Amino acid sequence: MDSPKVILVCDDQPDVLVALELLLKDAGYRAKLTSTPSELLDALHTVRADVALTDMNFARDTTSGGEGLALVDMI
């Protein structure tokens, strides 16, 4: 049996993380949850993820998506 694909999830809203974890689990994936861009970047060193799913807006700027785009560039 193949192990489930791992999705590295980053969102600063705990309720969103819980909802995504449940949805992904029901779809047969395993979610590794992080709540800040720095946590996601740290997790990349220890978690073998198949894909990253990230929020686009965090504490610095909540409307432009700039933080999320910068995070994608760093990934």
PDB file of N, CA and C in Angstrom:
ATOM      1  N   MET A   1       0.841  -1.191   0.000  1.00  0.00           N
ATOM      2  CA  MET A   1       0.000   0.000   0.000  1.00  0.00           C
ATOM      3  C   MET A   1       0.878   1.242   0.000  1.00  0.00           C
ATOM      4  N   ASP A   2       0.598   2.184  -0.892  1.00  0.00           N
ATOM      5  CA  ASP A   2       1.352   3.421  -0.956  1.00  0.00           C
ATOM      6  C   ASP A   2       1.006   4.317   0.219  1.00  0.00           C
ATOM      7  N   SER A   3       2.023   5.025   0.720  1.00  0.00           N
ATOM      8  CA  SER A   3       1.742   5.978   1.787  1.00  0.00           C
ATOM      9  C   SER A   3       1.097   7.221   1.173  1.00  0.00           C
ATOM     10  N   PRO A   4       0.291   7.928   1.966  1.00  0.00           N
ATOM     11  CA  PRO A   4      -0.408   9.096   1.422  1.00  0.00           C
ATOM     12  C   PRO A   4       0.562  10.212   1.060  1.00  0.00           C
ATOM     13  N   LYS A   5       0.202  10.973   0.044  1.00  0.00           N
ATOM     14  CA  LYS A   5       0.974  12.149  -0.335  1.00  0.00           C
ATOM     15  C   LYS A   5       0.897  13.160   0.801  1.00  0.00           C
ATOM     16  N   VAL A   6       1.999  13.880   1.003  1.00  0.00           N
ATOM     17  CA  VAL A   6       2.079  14.860   2.087  1.00  0.00           C
ATOM     18  C   VAL A   6       1.919  16.261   1.516  1.00  0.00           C
ATOM     19  N   ILE A   7       1.009  17.015   2.106  1.00  0.00           N
ATOM     20  CA  ILE A   7       0.787  18.401   1.714  1.00  0.00           C
ATOM     21  C   ILE A   7       1.190  19.290   2.886  1.00  0.00           C
ATOM     22  N   LEU A   8       2.121  20.171   2.639  1.00  0.00           N
ATOM     23  CA  LEU A   8       2.581  21.127   3.635  1.00  0.00           C
ATOM     24  C   LEU A   8       1.668  22.346   3.547  1.00  0.00           C
ATOM     25  N   VAL A   9       0.925  22.601   4.612  1.00  0.00           N
ATOM     26  CA  VAL A   9      -0.102  23.651   4.622  1.00  0.00           C
ATOM     27  C   VAL A   9       0.344  24.787   5.534  1.00  0.00           C
ATOM     28  N   CYS A  10       0.191  26.016   5.048  1.00  0.00           N
ATOM     29  CA  CYS A  10       0.529  27.183   5.852  1.00  0.00           C
ATOM     30  C   CYS A  10      -0.618  28.181   5.830  1.00  0.00           C
ATOM     31  N   ASP A  11      -1.148  28.467   7.009  1.00  0.00           N
ATOM     32  CA  ASP A  11      -2.192  29.487   7.152  1.00  0.00           C
ATOM     33  C   ASP A  11      -2.133  30.011   8.574  1.00  0.00           C
ATOM     34  N   ASP A  12      -2.383  31.297   8.749  1.00  0.00           N
ATOM     35  CA  ASP A  12      -2.300  31.890  10.084  1.00  0.00           C
ATOM     36  C   ASP A  12      -3.622  31.831  10.847  1.00  0.00           C
ATOM     37  N   GLN A  13      -4.640  31.215  10.275  1.00  0.00           N
ATOM     38  CA  GLN A  13      -5.918  31.068  10.960  1.00  0.00           C
ATOM     39  C   GLN A  13      -6.100  29.610  11.380  1.00  0.00           C
ATOM     40  N   PRO A  14      -6.105  29.341  12.684  1.00  0.00           N
ATOM     41  CA  PRO A  14      -6.217  27.958  13.176  1.00  0.00           C
ATOM     42  C   PRO A  14      -7.423  27.199  12.631  1.00  0.00           C
ATOM     43  N   ASP A  15      -8.565  27.865  12.501  1.00  0.00           N
ATOM     44  CA  ASP A  15      -9.761  27.182  11.987  1.00  0.00           C
ATOM     45  C   ASP A  15      -9.573  26.717  10.544  1.00  0.00           C
ATOM     46  N   VAL A  16      -8.860  27.512   9.754  1.00  0.00           N
ATOM     47  CA  VAL A  16      -8.595  27.131   8.366  1.00  0.00           C
ATOM     48  C   VAL A  16      -7.686  25.909   8.341  1.00  0.00           C
ATOM     49  N   LEU A  17      -6.675  25.888   9.208  1.00  0.00           N
ATOM     50  CA  LEU A  17      -5.769  24.744   9.266  1.00  0.00           C
ATOM     51  C   LEU A  17      -6.512  23.461   9.621  1.00  0.00           C
ATOM     52  N   VAL A  18      -7.380  23.532  10.616  1.00  0.00           N
ATOM     53  CA  VAL A  18      -8.144  22.354  11.037  1.00  0.00           C
ATOM     54  C   VAL A  18      -9.049  21.883   9.896  1.00  0.00           C
ATOM     55  N   ALA A  19      -9.731  22.811   9.255  1.00  0.00           N
ATOM     56  CA  ALA A  19     -10.632  22.445   8.157  1.00  0.00           C
ATOM     57  C   ALA A  19      -9.858  21.807   7.007  1.00  0.00           C
ATOM     58  N   LEU A  20      -8.725  22.389   6.643  1.00  0.00           N
ATOM     59  CA  LEU A  20      -7.923  21.824   5.553  1.00  0.00           C
ATOM     60  C   LEU A  20      -7.380  20.448   5.917  1.00  0.00           C
ATOM     61  N   GLU A  21      -6.953  20.289   7.157  1.00  0.00           N
ATOM     62  CA  GLU A  21      -6.443  18.990   7.585  1.00  0.00           C
ATOM     63  C   GLU A  21      -7.528  17.916   7.443  1.00  0.00           C
ATOM     64  N   LEU A  22      -8.742  18.225   7.874  1.00  0.00           N
ATOM     65  CA  LEU A  22      -9.843  17.261   7.776  1.00  0.00           C
ATOM     66  C   LEU A  22     -10.201  16.970   6.323  1.00  0.00           C
ATOM     67  N   LEU A  23     -10.291  17.993   5.506  1.00  0.00           N
ATOM     68  CA  LEU A  23     -10.623  17.801   4.093  1.00  0.00           C
ATOM     69  C   LEU A  23      -9.556  16.989   3.370  1.00  0.00           C
ATOM     70  N   LEU A  24      -8.300  17.307   3.636  1.00  0.00           N
ATOM     71  CA  LEU A  24      -7.214  16.589   2.975  1.00  0.00           C
ATOM     72  C   LEU A  24      -7.149  15.133   3.432  1.00  0.00           C
ATOM     73  N   LYS A  25      -7.374  14.910   4.720  1.00  0.00           N
ATOM     74  CA  LYS A  25      -7.381  13.539   5.237  1.00  0.00           C
ATOM     75  C   LYS A  25      -8.491  12.727   4.578  1.00  0.00           C
ATOM     76  N   ASP A  26      -9.674  13.318   4.479  1.00  0.00           N
ATOM     77  CA  ASP A  26     -10.794  12.631   3.830  1.00  0.00           C
ATOM     78  C   ASP A  26     -10.497  12.317   2.368  1.00  0.00           C
ATOM     79  N   ALA A  27      -9.644  13.127   1.737  1.00  0.00           N
ATOM     80  CA  ALA A  27      -9.288  12.914   0.331  1.00  0.00           C
ATOM     81  C   ALA A  27      -8.086  11.978   0.178  1.00  0.00           C
ATOM     82  N   GLY A  28      -7.557  11.486   1.313  1.00  0.00           N
ATOM     83  CA  GLY A  28      -6.462  10.529   1.251  1.00  0.00           C
ATOM     84  C   GLY A  28      -5.062  11.117   1.350  1.00  0.00           C
ATOM     85  N   TYR A  29      -4.962  12.369   1.775  1.00  0.00           N
ATOM     86  CA  TYR A  29      -3.669  13.029   1.925  1.00  0.00           C
ATOM     87  C   TYR A  29      -3.314  13.174   3.400  1.00  0.00           C
ATOM     88  N   ARG A  30      -2.023  13.403   3.650  1.00  0.00           N
ATOM     89  CA  ARG A  30      -1.570  13.716   5.008  1.00  0.00           C
ATOM     90  C   ARG A  30      -1.110  15.159   5.003  1.00  0.00           C
ATOM     91  N   ALA A  31      -1.603  15.958   5.933  1.00  0.00           N
ATOM     92  CA  ALA A  31      -1.257  17.369   6.011  1.00  0.00           C
ATOM     93  C   ALA A  31      -0.254  17.604   7.125  1.00  0.00           C
ATOM     94  N   LYS A  32       0.759  18.390   6.825  1.00  0.00           N
ATOM     95  CA  LYS A  32       1.687  18.905   7.829  1.00  0.00           C
ATOM     96  C   LYS A  32       1.350  20.377   7.958  1.00  0.00           C
ATOM     97  N   LEU A  33       0.885  20.794   9.134  1.00  0.00           N
ATOM     98  CA  LEU A  33       0.363  22.139   9.333  1.00  0.00           C
ATOM     99  C   LEU A  33       1.409  23.097   9.883  1.00  0.00           C
ATOM    100  N   THR A  34       1.460  24.297   9.311  1.00  0.00           N
ATOM    101  CA  THR A  34       2.299  25.375   9.821  1.00  0.00           C
ATOM    102  C   THR A  34       1.466  26.653   9.823  1.00  0.00           C
ATOM    103  N   SER A  35       1.811  27.583  10.705  1.00  0.00           N
ATOM    104  CA  SER A  35       0.987  28.790  10.814  1.00  0.00           C
ATOM    105  C   SER A  35       1.712  30.079  10.432  1.00  0.00           C
ATOM    106  N   THR A  36       2.972  29.990  10.066  1.00  0.00           N
ATOM    107  CA  THR A  36       3.708  31.172   9.612  1.00  0.00           C
ATOM    108  C   THR A  36       4.620  30.780   8.454  1.00  0.00           C
ATOM    109  N   PRO A  37       4.969  31.752   7.635  1.00  0.00           N
ATOM    110  CA  PRO A  37       5.913  31.451   6.559  1.00  0.00           C
ATOM    111  C   PRO A  37       7.235  30.875   7.072  1.00  0.00           C
ATOM    112  N   SER A  38       7.735  31.375   8.181  1.00  0.00           N
ATOM    113  CA  SER A  38       9.005  30.854   8.707  1.00  0.00           C
ATOM    114  C   SER A  38       8.853  29.397   9.161  1.00  0.00           C
ATOM    115  N   GLU A  39       7.707  29.028   9.734  1.00  0.00           N
ATOM    116  CA  GLU A  39       7.471  27.631  10.108  1.00  0.00           C
ATOM    117  C   GLU A  39       7.444  26.736   8.874  1.00  0.00           C
ATOM    118  N   LEU A  40       6.824  27.211   7.815  1.00  0.00           N
ATOM    119  CA  LEU A  40       6.777  26.420   6.589  1.00  0.00           C
ATOM    120  C   LEU A  40       8.189  26.220   6.043  1.00  0.00           C
ATOM    121  N   LEU A  41       8.984  27.282   6.008  1.00  0.00           N
ATOM    122  CA  LEU A  41      10.352  27.170   5.499  1.00  0.00           C
ATOM    123  C   LEU A  41      11.178  26.229   6.363  1.00  0.00           C
ATOM    124  N   ASP A  42      11.003  26.278   7.678  1.00  0.00           N
ATOM    125  CA  ASP A  42      11.710  25.350   8.571  1.00  0.00           C
ATOM    126  C   ASP A  42      11.268  23.907   8.306  1.00  0.00           C
ATOM    127  N   ALA A  43       9.969  23.710   8.094  1.00  0.00           N
ATOM    128  CA  ALA A  43       9.445  22.364   7.860  1.00  0.00           C
ATOM    129  C   ALA A  43      10.001  21.755   6.574  1.00  0.00           C
ATOM    130  N   LEU A  44      10.331  22.578   5.611  1.00  0.00           N
ATOM    131  CA  LEU A  44      10.894  22.062   4.360  1.00  0.00           C
ATOM    132  C   LEU A  44      12.200  21.307   4.586  1.00  0.00           C
ATOM    133  N   HIS A  45      12.883  21.598   5.696  1.00  0.00           N
ATOM    134  CA  HIS A  45      14.144  20.917   6.006  1.00  0.00           C
ATOM    135  C   HIS A  45      13.933  19.536   6.631  1.00  0.00           C
ATOM    136  N   THR A  46      12.728  19.295   7.156  1.00  0.00           N
ATOM    137  CA  THR A  46      12.496  18.032   7.868  1.00  0.00           C
ATOM    138  C   THR A  46      11.359  17.194   7.306  1.00  0.00           C
ATOM    139  N   VAL A  47      10.502  17.783   6.506  1.00  0.00           N
ATOM    140  CA  VAL A  47       9.329  17.085   5.972  1.00  0.00           C
ATOM    141  C   VAL A  47       9.507  16.886   4.477  1.00  0.00           C
ATOM    142  N   ARG A  48       9.298  15.673   4.042  1.00  0.00           N
ATOM    143  CA  ARG A  48       9.337  15.411   2.592  1.00  0.00           C
ATOM    144  C   ARG A  48       7.914  15.602   2.067  1.00  0.00           C
ATOM    145  N   ALA A  49       7.647  16.806   1.593  1.00  0.00           N
ATOM    146  CA  ALA A  49       6.309  17.155   1.131  1.00  0.00           C
ATOM    147  C   ALA A  49       6.219  17.021  -0.384  1.00  0.00           C
ATOM    148  N   ASP A  50       5.037  16.642  -0.837  1.00  0.00           N
ATOM    149  CA  ASP A  50       4.784  16.525  -2.267  1.00  0.00           C
ATOM    150  C   ASP A  50       4.324  17.852  -2.865  1.00  0.00           C
ATOM    151  N   VAL A  51       3.712  18.680  -2.037  1.00  0.00           N
ATOM    152  CA  VAL A  51       3.210  19.975  -2.489  1.00  0.00           C
ATOM    153  C   VAL A  51       3.024  20.883  -1.275  1.00  0.00           C
ATOM    154  N   ALA A  52       3.078  22.191  -1.514  1.00  0.00           N
ATOM    155  CA  ALA A  52       2.810  23.166  -0.457  1.00  0.00           C
ATOM    156  C   ALA A  52       1.551  23.946  -0.823  1.00  0.00           C
ATOM    157  N   LEU A  53       0.713  24.157   0.171  1.00  0.00           N
ATOM    158  CA  LEU A  53      -0.512  24.926   0.020  1.00  0.00           C
ATOM    159  C   LEU A  53      -0.426  26.065   1.028  1.00  0.00           C
ATOM    160  N   THR A  54      -0.391  27.291   0.537  1.00  0.00           N
ATOM    161  CA  THR A  54      -0.172  28.402   1.454  1.00  0.00           C
ATOM    162  C   THR A  54      -1.200  29.512   1.297  1.00  0.00           C
ATOM    163  N   ASP A  55      -1.475  30.142   2.403  1.00  0.00           N
ATOM    164  CA  ASP A  55      -2.257  31.363   2.439  1.00  0.00           C
ATOM    165  C   ASP A  55      -1.459  32.437   1.692  1.00  0.00           C
ATOM    166  N   MET A  56      -2.115  33.419   1.171  1.00  0.00           N
ATOM    167  CA  MET A  56      -1.412  34.486   0.460  1.00  0.00           C
ATOM    168  C   MET A  56      -1.205  35.717   1.324  1.00  0.00           C
ATOM    169  N   ASN A  57      -1.943  35.843   2.419  1.00  0.00           N
ATOM    170  CA  ASN A  57      -1.872  37.038   3.260  1.00  0.00           C
ATOM    171  C   ASN A  57      -1.633  36.658   4.710  1.00  0.00           C
ATOM    172  N   PHE A  58      -0.628  37.285   5.289  1.00  0.00           N
ATOM    173  CA  PHE A  58      -0.295  37.041   6.689  1.00  0.00           C
ATOM    174  C   PHE A  58      -0.314  38.370   7.432  1.00  0.00           C
ATOM    175  N   ALA A  59       0.351  38.457   8.558  1.00  0.00           N
ATOM    176  CA  ALA A  59       0.268  39.609   9.451  1.00  0.00           C
ATOM    177  C   ALA A  59       0.775  40.917   8.845  1.00  0.00           C
ATOM    178  N   ARG A  60       1.802  40.849   8.030  1.00  0.00           N
ATOM    179  CA  ARG A  60       2.417  42.080   7.516  1.00  0.00           C
ATOM    180  C   ARG A  60       1.479  42.830   6.580  1.00  0.00           C
ATOM    181  N   ASP A  61       0.765  42.099   5.735  1.00  0.00           N
ATOM    182  CA  ASP A  61      -0.087  42.719   4.731  1.00  0.00           C
ATOM    183  C   ASP A  61      -1.243  41.767   4.472  1.00  0.00           C
ATOM    184  N   THR A  62      -2.438  42.207   4.751  1.00  0.00           N
ATOM    185  CA  THR A  62      -3.561  41.271   4.709  1.00  0.00           C
ATOM    186  C   THR A  62      -4.401  41.345   3.442  1.00  0.00           C
ATOM    187  N   THR A  63      -3.943  42.061   2.422  1.00  0.00           N
ATOM    188  CA  THR A  63      -4.771  42.150   1.220  1.00  0.00           C
ATOM    189  C   THR A  63      -4.043  41.971  -0.102  1.00  0.00           C
ATOM    190  N   SER A  64      -2.760  42.211  -0.178  1.00  0.00           N
ATOM    191  CA  SER A  64      -2.082  42.233  -1.478  1.00  0.00           C
ATOM    192  C   SER A  64      -1.628  40.863  -1.972  1.00  0.00           C
ATOM    193  N   GLY A  65      -1.448  39.916  -1.063  1.00  0.00           N
ATOM    194  CA  GLY A  65      -0.910  38.625  -1.453  1.00  0.00           C
ATOM    195  C   GLY A  65       0.604  38.617  -1.569  1.00  0.00           C
ATOM    196  N   GLY A  66       1.240  39.744  -1.269  1.00  0.00           N
ATOM    197  CA  GLY A  66       2.688  39.861  -1.403  1.00  0.00           C
ATOM    198  C   GLY A  66       3.468  38.875  -0.545  1.00  0.00           C
ATOM    199  N   GLU A  67       3.016  38.666   0.678  1.00  0.00           N
ATOM    200  CA  GLU A  67       3.715  37.723   1.546  1.00  0.00           C
ATOM    201  C   GLU A  67       3.655  36.301   0.994  1.00  0.00           C
ATOM    202  N   GLY A  68       2.491  35.924   0.498  1.00  0.00           N
ATOM    203  CA  GLY A  68       2.345  34.584  -0.070  1.00  0.00           C
ATOM    204  C   GLY A  68       3.199  34.405  -1.306  1.00  0.00           C
ATOM    205  N   LEU A  69       3.255  35.412  -2.164  1.00  0.00           N
ATOM    206  CA  LEU A  69       4.085  35.332  -3.369  1.00  0.00           C
ATOM    207  C   LEU A  69       5.569  35.259  -3.007  1.00  0.00           C
ATOM    208  N   ALA A  70       5.981  36.027  -2.000  1.00  0.00           N
ATOM    209  CA  ALA A  70       7.376  35.966  -1.537  1.00  0.00           C
ATOM    210  C   ALA A  70       7.692  34.582  -0.987  1.00  0.00           C
ATOM    211  N   LEU A  71       6.757  33.994  -0.271  1.00  0.00           N
ATOM    212  CA  LEU A  71       6.952  32.653   0.281  1.00  0.00           C
ATOM    213  C   LEU A  71       7.097  31.630  -0.840  1.00  0.00           C
ATOM    214  N   VAL A  72       6.273  31.728  -1.856  1.00  0.00           N
ATOM    215  CA  VAL A  72       6.382  30.812  -2.986  1.00  0.00           C
ATOM    216  C   VAL A  72       7.743  30.953  -3.656  1.00  0.00           C
ATOM    217  N   ASP A  73       8.235  32.167  -3.782  1.00  0.00           N
ATOM    218  CA  ASP A  73       9.575  32.376  -4.347  1.00  0.00           C
ATOM    219  C   ASP A  73      10.644  31.692  -3.491  1.00  0.00           C
ATOM    220  N   MET A  74      10.501  31.760  -2.175  1.00  0.00           N
ATOM    221  CA  MET A  74      11.490  31.143  -1.281  1.00  0.00           C
ATOM    222  C   MET A  74      11.428  29.620  -1.325  1.00  0.00           C
ATOM    223  N   ILE A  75      10.235  29.086  -1.531  1.00  0.00           N
ATOM    224  CA  ILE A  75      10.085  27.628  -1.603  1.00  0.00           C
ATOM    225  C   ILE A  75      10.831  27.127  -2.813  1.00  0.00           C
TER     226      ILE A  75
END
